[in-house]
Amino acid sequence: MRDKATENSSMSAAGSGASLLAHLSSARNSLAMKGFVCMRRVELRAELEMTVNA
């Protein structure tokens, strides 16, 4: 009886861990996308300044 309860709690912990991991990976992807957009914006601004100064 006790083993069954331990098994259930470990299964639910694994399930919540998996969903947390999925959430973290999606958050990391969106952060990477924002970082990429920000870097691109900086590059474009630098190109624009070079064009204006030239």
C-alpha atoms as a PDB file:
ATOM      1  CA  MET A   1       0.000   0.000   0.000  1.00  0.00           C
ATOM      2  CA  ARG A   2       2.743   2.420   0.968  1.00  0.00           C
ATOM      3  CA  ASP A   3       4.774   1.551  -2.162  1.00  0.00           C
ATOM      4  CA  LYS A   4       1.769   2.359  -4.339  1.00  0.00           C
ATOM      5  CA  ALA A   5       1.417   5.810  -2.766  1.00  0.00           C
ATOM      6  CA  THR A   6       5.137   6.497  -3.231  1.00  0.00           C
ATOM      7  CA  GLU A   7       4.861   5.359  -6.852  1.00  0.00           C
ATOM      8  CA  ASN A   8       1.933   7.703  -7.490  1.00  0.00           C
ATOM      9  CA  SER A   9       3.642  10.710  -5.941  1.00  0.00           C
ATOM     10  CA  SER A  10       6.824  10.109  -7.931  1.00  0.00           C
ATOM     11  CA  MET A  11       4.784   9.770 -11.127  1.00  0.00           C
ATOM     12  CA  SER A  12       2.983  13.065 -10.505  1.00  0.00           C
ATOM     13  CA  ALA A  13       6.309  14.722  -9.671  1.00  0.00           C
ATOM     14  CA  ALA A  14       7.733  13.430 -12.959  1.00  0.00           C
ATOM     15  CA  GLY A  15       4.687  14.767 -14.806  1.00  0.00           C
ATOM     16  CA  SER A  16       4.961  18.229 -13.285  1.00  0.00           C
ATOM     17  CA  GLY A  17       8.712  18.182 -13.942  1.00  0.00           C
ATOM     18  CA  ALA A  18       8.086  17.410 -17.606  1.00  0.00           C
ATOM     19  CA  SER A  19       5.551  20.217 -17.978  1.00  0.00           C
ATOM     20  CA  LEU A  20       7.901  22.600 -16.188  1.00  0.00           C
ATOM     21  CA  LEU A  21      10.698  21.581 -18.542  1.00  0.00           C
ATOM     22  CA  ALA A  22       8.455  22.185 -21.559  1.00  0.00           C
ATOM     23  CA  HIS A  23       7.515  25.600 -20.185  1.00  0.00           C
ATOM     24  CA  LEU A  24      11.171  26.473 -19.594  1.00  0.00           C
ATOM     25  CA  SER A  25      12.219  25.402 -23.089  1.00  0.00           C
ATOM     26  CA  SER A  26       9.446  27.478 -24.675  1.00  0.00           C
ATOM     27  CA  ALA A  27      10.413  30.444 -22.493  1.00  0.00           C
ATOM     28  CA  ARG A  28      14.040  29.987 -23.519  1.00  0.00           C
ATOM     29  CA  ASN A  29      13.013  29.912 -27.182  1.00  0.00           C
ATOM     30  CA  SER A  30      11.019  33.131 -26.875  1.00  0.00           C
ATOM     31  CA  LEU A  31      13.907  34.782 -25.036  1.00  0.00           C
ATOM     32  CA  ALA A  32      16.303  33.672 -27.768  1.00  0.00           C
ATOM     33  CA  MET A  33      13.927  35.090 -30.370  1.00  0.00           C
ATOM     34  CA  LYS A  34      13.746  38.416 -28.529  1.00  0.00           C
ATOM     35  CA  GLY A  35      17.526  38.479 -28.247  1.00  0.00           C
ATOM     36  CA  PHE A  36      17.868  37.778 -31.958  1.00  0.00           C
ATOM     37  CA  VAL A  37      15.422  40.550 -32.846  1.00  0.00           C
ATOM     38  CA  CYS A  38      17.272  42.940 -30.543  1.00  0.00           C
ATOM     39  CA  MET A  39      20.650  42.064 -32.109  1.00  0.00           C
ATOM     40  CA  ARG A  40      19.187  42.498 -35.582  1.00  0.00           C
ATOM     41  CA  ARG A  41      17.796  45.895 -34.601  1.00  0.00           C
ATOM     42  CA  VAL A  42      21.231  46.978 -33.363  1.00  0.00           C
ATOM     43  CA  GLU A  43      22.825  45.807 -36.618  1.00  0.00           C
ATOM     44  CA  LEU A  44      20.259  47.687 -38.686  1.00  0.00           C
ATOM     45  CA  ARG A  45      20.759  50.835 -36.628  1.00  0.00           C
ATOM     46  CA  ALA A  46      24.535  50.600 -37.107  1.00  0.00           C
ATOM     47  CA  GLU A  47      24.062  50.171 -40.865  1.00  0.00           C
ATOM     48  CA  LEU A  48      21.722  53.155 -40.943  1.00  0.00           C
ATOM     49  CA  GLU A  49      24.189  55.336 -39.045  1.00  0.00           C
ATOM     50  CA  MET A  50      27.006  54.338 -41.408  1.00  0.00           C
ATOM     51  CA  THR A  51      24.794  55.193 -44.375  1.00  0.00           C
ATOM     52  CA  VAL A  52      23.842  58.568 -42.903  1.00  0.00           C
ATOM     53  CA  ASN A  53      27.447  59.408 -41.965  1.00  0.00           C
ATOM     54  CA  ALA A  54      28.844  58.325 -45.347  1.00  0.00           C
END
